[in-house]
Amino acid sequence: MLKPTDPVPPERPIGELVQELVDEGKSYARAELEVVKAIAAAKGKALVFPAGLFGAAFVLAQAAIFAIAMGVFMELYAFLDPLLAGVISFVLFAAIAGGLGWYAVARLKRDL
């Protein structure tokens, strides 16, 4: 014996189906955006402490470079005029900084 079929639900208008699809799509997009915001906030909070440590390391590295520069200046000052010792120290460290900057630009051009 054949089983009776379920009654077919009445068809809904296409406009209603499209509106429902758009509303569900908007809800899904909002939910995805909230997930992305939550992930970004969590990663941002995780980076605060290491960023502070990098900042402190940078300040200490600057102090170390300054100490080396002063040592070079004082060594030159013992043998030369103070102005000449300052100019030589400046040129020396400016050349080192320029060389490092040039190398960094060259690496960026090569790697990109």
C-alpha atoms as a PDB file:
ATOM      1  CA  MET A   1       0.000   0.000   0.000  1.00  0.00           C
ATOM      2  CA  LEU A   2       1.236   3.480  -0.806  1.00  0.00           C
ATOM      3  CA  LYS A   3       1.967   5.931   1.927  1.00  0.00           C
ATOM      4  CA  PRO A   4       0.157   9.218   1.798  1.00  0.00           C
ATOM      5  CA  THR A   5       2.421  12.103   0.876  1.00  0.00           C
ATOM      6  CA  ASP A   6       2.921  15.050   3.163  1.00  0.00           C
ATOM      7  CA  PRO A   7       0.957  18.061   2.143  1.00  0.00           C
ATOM      8  CA  VAL A   8       3.074  20.539   0.194  1.00  0.00           C
ATOM      9  CA  PRO A   9       3.553  23.780   2.127  1.00  0.00           C
ATOM     10  CA  PRO A  10       2.149  26.783   0.342  1.00  0.00           C
ATOM     11  CA  GLU A  11       4.714  28.587  -1.787  1.00  0.00           C
ATOM     12  CA  ARG A  12       5.997  31.859  -0.459  1.00  0.00           C
ATOM     13  CA  PRO A  13       6.495  34.818  -2.735  1.00  0.00           C
ATOM     14  CA  ILE A  14       9.997  35.276  -4.200  1.00  0.00           C
ATOM     15  CA  GLY A  15      10.300  38.769  -2.696  1.00  0.00           C
ATOM     16  CA  GLU A  16       9.734  37.374   0.788  1.00  0.00           C
ATOM     17  CA  LEU A  17      12.352  34.655   0.265  1.00  0.00           C
ATOM     18  CA  VAL A  18      14.885  37.166  -1.048  1.00  0.00           C
ATOM     19  CA  GLN A  19      14.220  39.519   1.874  1.00  0.00           C
ATOM     20  CA  GLU A  20      14.724  36.643   4.331  1.00  0.00           C
ATOM     21  CA  LEU A  21      17.973  35.681   2.575  1.00  0.00           C
ATOM     22  CA  VAL A  22      19.252  39.283   2.741  1.00  0.00           C
ATOM     23  CA  ASP A  23      18.366  39.565   6.442  1.00  0.00           C
ATOM     24  CA  GLU A  24      20.125  36.298   7.251  1.00  0.00           C
ATOM     25  CA  GLY A  25      23.157  37.412   5.224  1.00  0.00           C
ATOM     26  CA  LYS A  26      23.314  40.690   7.148  1.00  0.00           C
ATOM     27  CA  SER A  27      23.070  38.826  10.460  1.00  0.00           C
ATOM     28  CA  TYR A  28      25.847  36.461   9.395  1.00  0.00           C
ATOM     29  CA  ALA A  29      28.076  39.358   8.291  1.00  0.00           C
ATOM     30  CA  ARG A  30      27.530  41.179  11.601  1.00  0.00           C
ATOM     31  CA  ALA A  31      28.376  38.015  13.538  1.00  0.00           C
ATOM     32  CA  GLU A  32      31.558  37.505  11.503  1.00  0.00           C
ATOM     33  CA  LEU A  33      32.532  41.130  12.067  1.00  0.00           C
ATOM     34  CA  GLU A  34      32.081  40.713  15.819  1.00  0.00           C
ATOM     35  CA  VAL A  35      34.294  37.608  15.739  1.00  0.00           C
ATOM     36  CA  VAL A  36      37.008  39.508  13.851  1.00  0.00           C
ATOM     37  CA  LYS A  37      36.769  42.400  16.324  1.00  0.00           C
ATOM     38  CA  ALA A  38      37.092  40.006  19.263  1.00  0.00           C
ATOM     39  CA  ILE A  39      40.136  38.302  17.721  1.00  0.00           C
ATOM     40  CA  ALA A  40      41.792  41.652  16.959  1.00  0.00           C
ATOM     41  CA  ALA A  41      41.137  42.899  20.497  1.00  0.00           C
ATOM     42  CA  ALA A  42      42.614  39.738  22.007  1.00  0.00           C
ATOM     43  CA  LYS A  43      45.717  39.945  19.817  1.00  0.00           C
ATOM     44  CA  GLY A  44      46.069  43.654  20.565  1.00  0.00           C
ATOM     45  CA  LYS A  45      45.974  43.018  24.303  1.00  0.00           C
ATOM     46  CA  ALA A  46      48.544  40.246  23.907  1.00  0.00           C
ATOM     47  CA  LEU A  47      50.926  42.623  22.100  1.00  0.00           C
ATOM     48  CA  VAL A  48      50.866  45.460  24.644  1.00  0.00           C
ATOM     49  CA  PHE A  49      53.461  44.038  27.050  1.00  0.00           C
ATOM     50  CA  PRO A  50      55.950  42.877  24.371  1.00  0.00           C
ATOM     51  CA  ALA A  51      55.630  46.275  22.658  1.00  0.00           C
ATOM     52  CA  GLY A  52      56.521  47.963  25.949  1.00  0.00           C
ATOM     53  CA  LEU A  53      59.539  45.702  26.301  1.00  0.00           C
ATOM     54  CA  PHE A  54      60.657  46.562  22.766  1.00  0.00           C
ATOM     55  CA  GLY A  55      60.271  50.250  23.582  1.00  0.00           C
ATOM     56  CA  ALA A  56      62.413  49.897  26.702  1.00  0.00           C
ATOM     57  CA  ALA A  57      65.015  47.922  24.752  1.00  0.00           C
ATOM     58  CA  PHE A  58      65.095  50.654  22.105  1.00  0.00           C
ATOM     59  CA  VAL A  59      65.659  53.377  24.707  1.00  0.00           C
ATOM     60  CA  LEU A  60      68.464  51.375  26.330  1.00  0.00           C
ATOM     61  CA  ALA A  61      70.055  50.696  22.937  1.00  0.00           C
ATOM     62  CA  GLN A  62      70.014  54.430  22.235  1.00  0.00           C
ATOM     63  CA  ALA A  63      71.701  55.052  25.592  1.00  0.00           C
ATOM     64  CA  ALA A  64      74.366  52.461  24.757  1.00  0.00           C
ATOM     65  CA  ILE A  65      75.041  54.035  21.364  1.00  0.00           C
ATOM     66  CA  PHE A  66      75.246  57.457  22.985  1.00  0.00           C
ATOM     67  CA  ALA A  67      77.757  56.107  25.514  1.00  0.00           C
ATOM     68  CA  ILE A  68      79.891  54.660  22.714  1.00  0.00           C
ATOM     69  CA  ALA A  69      79.676  57.932  20.794  1.00  0.00           C
ATOM     70  CA  MET A  70      80.740  59.884  23.875  1.00  0.00           C
ATOM     71  CA  GLY A  71      83.624  57.475  24.409  1.00  0.00           C
ATOM     72  CA  VAL A  72      84.806  58.011  20.838  1.00  0.00           C
ATOM     73  CA  PHE A  73      84.458  61.779  21.228  1.00  0.00           C
ATOM     74  CA  MET A  74      86.360  61.842  24.516  1.00  0.00           C
ATOM     75  CA  GLU A  75      89.140  59.723  23.037  1.00  0.00           C
ATOM     76  CA  LEU A  76      89.440  62.074  20.066  1.00  0.00           C
ATOM     77  CA  TYR A  77      89.149  65.106  22.385  1.00  0.00           C
ATOM     78  CA  ALA A  78      92.322  64.015  24.166  1.00  0.00           C
ATOM     79  CA  PHE A  79      94.307  64.411  20.924  1.00  0.00           C
ATOM     80  CA  LEU A  80      92.369  67.002  18.875  1.00  0.00           C
ATOM     81  CA  ASP A  81      90.499  70.281  19.142  1.00  0.00           C
ATOM     82  CA  PRO A  82      86.997  69.774  20.709  1.00  0.00           C
ATOM     83  CA  LEU A  83      85.181  70.980  17.581  1.00  0.00           C
ATOM     84  CA  LEU A  84      87.207  68.719  15.315  1.00  0.00           C
ATOM     85  CA  ALA A  85      86.680  65.769  17.649  1.00  0.00           C
ATOM     86  CA  GLY A  86      82.922  66.425  17.565  1.00  0.00           C
ATOM     87  CA  VAL A  87      82.841  66.664  13.779  1.00  0.00           C
ATOM     88  CA  ILE A  88      84.843  63.472  13.346  1.00  0.00           C
ATOM     89  CA  SER A  89      82.588  61.625  15.812  1.00  0.00           C
ATOM     90  CA  PHE A  90      79.504  62.942  14.030  1.00  0.00           C
ATOM     91  CA  VAL A  91      80.781  61.919  10.599  1.00  0.00           C
ATOM     92  CA  LEU A  92      81.740  58.467  11.869  1.00  0.00           C
ATOM     93  CA  PHE A  93      78.360  57.694  13.399  1.00  0.00           C
ATOM     94  CA  ALA A  94      76.439  59.387  10.565  1.00  0.00           C
ATOM     95  CA  ALA A  95      78.307  57.167   8.099  1.00  0.00           C
ATOM     96  CA  ILE A  96      77.419  54.063  10.108  1.00  0.00           C
ATOM     97  CA  ALA A  97      73.757  55.121  10.272  1.00  0.00           C
ATOM     98  CA  GLY A  98      73.717  55.951   6.567  1.00  0.00           C
ATOM     99  CA  GLY A  99      75.252  52.596   5.699  1.00  0.00           C
ATOM    100  CA  LEU A 100      72.688  50.745   7.772  1.00  0.00           C
ATOM    101  CA  GLY A 101      69.865  52.746   6.195  1.00  0.00           C
ATOM    102  CA  TRP A 102      71.211  52.116   2.699  1.00  0.00           C
ATOM    103  CA  TYR A 103      71.478  48.387   3.420  1.00  0.00           C
ATOM    104  CA  ALA A 104      67.919  48.324   4.762  1.00  0.00           C
ATOM    105  CA  VAL A 105      66.548  50.013   1.612  1.00  0.00           C
ATOM    106  CA  ALA A 106      68.533  47.648  -0.601  1.00  0.00           C
ATOM    107  CA  ARG A 107      67.132  44.633   1.269  1.00  0.00           C
ATOM    108  CA  LEU A 108      63.587  45.968   0.981  1.00  0.00           C
ATOM    109  CA  LYS A 109      63.986  46.471  -2.762  1.00  0.00           C
ATOM    110  CA  ARG A 110      65.445  42.995  -3.158  1.00  0.00           C
ATOM    111  CA  ASP A 111      62.876  41.212  -1.007  1.00  0.00           C
ATOM    112  CA  LEU A 112      59.830  43.033  -2.357  1.00  0.00           C
END
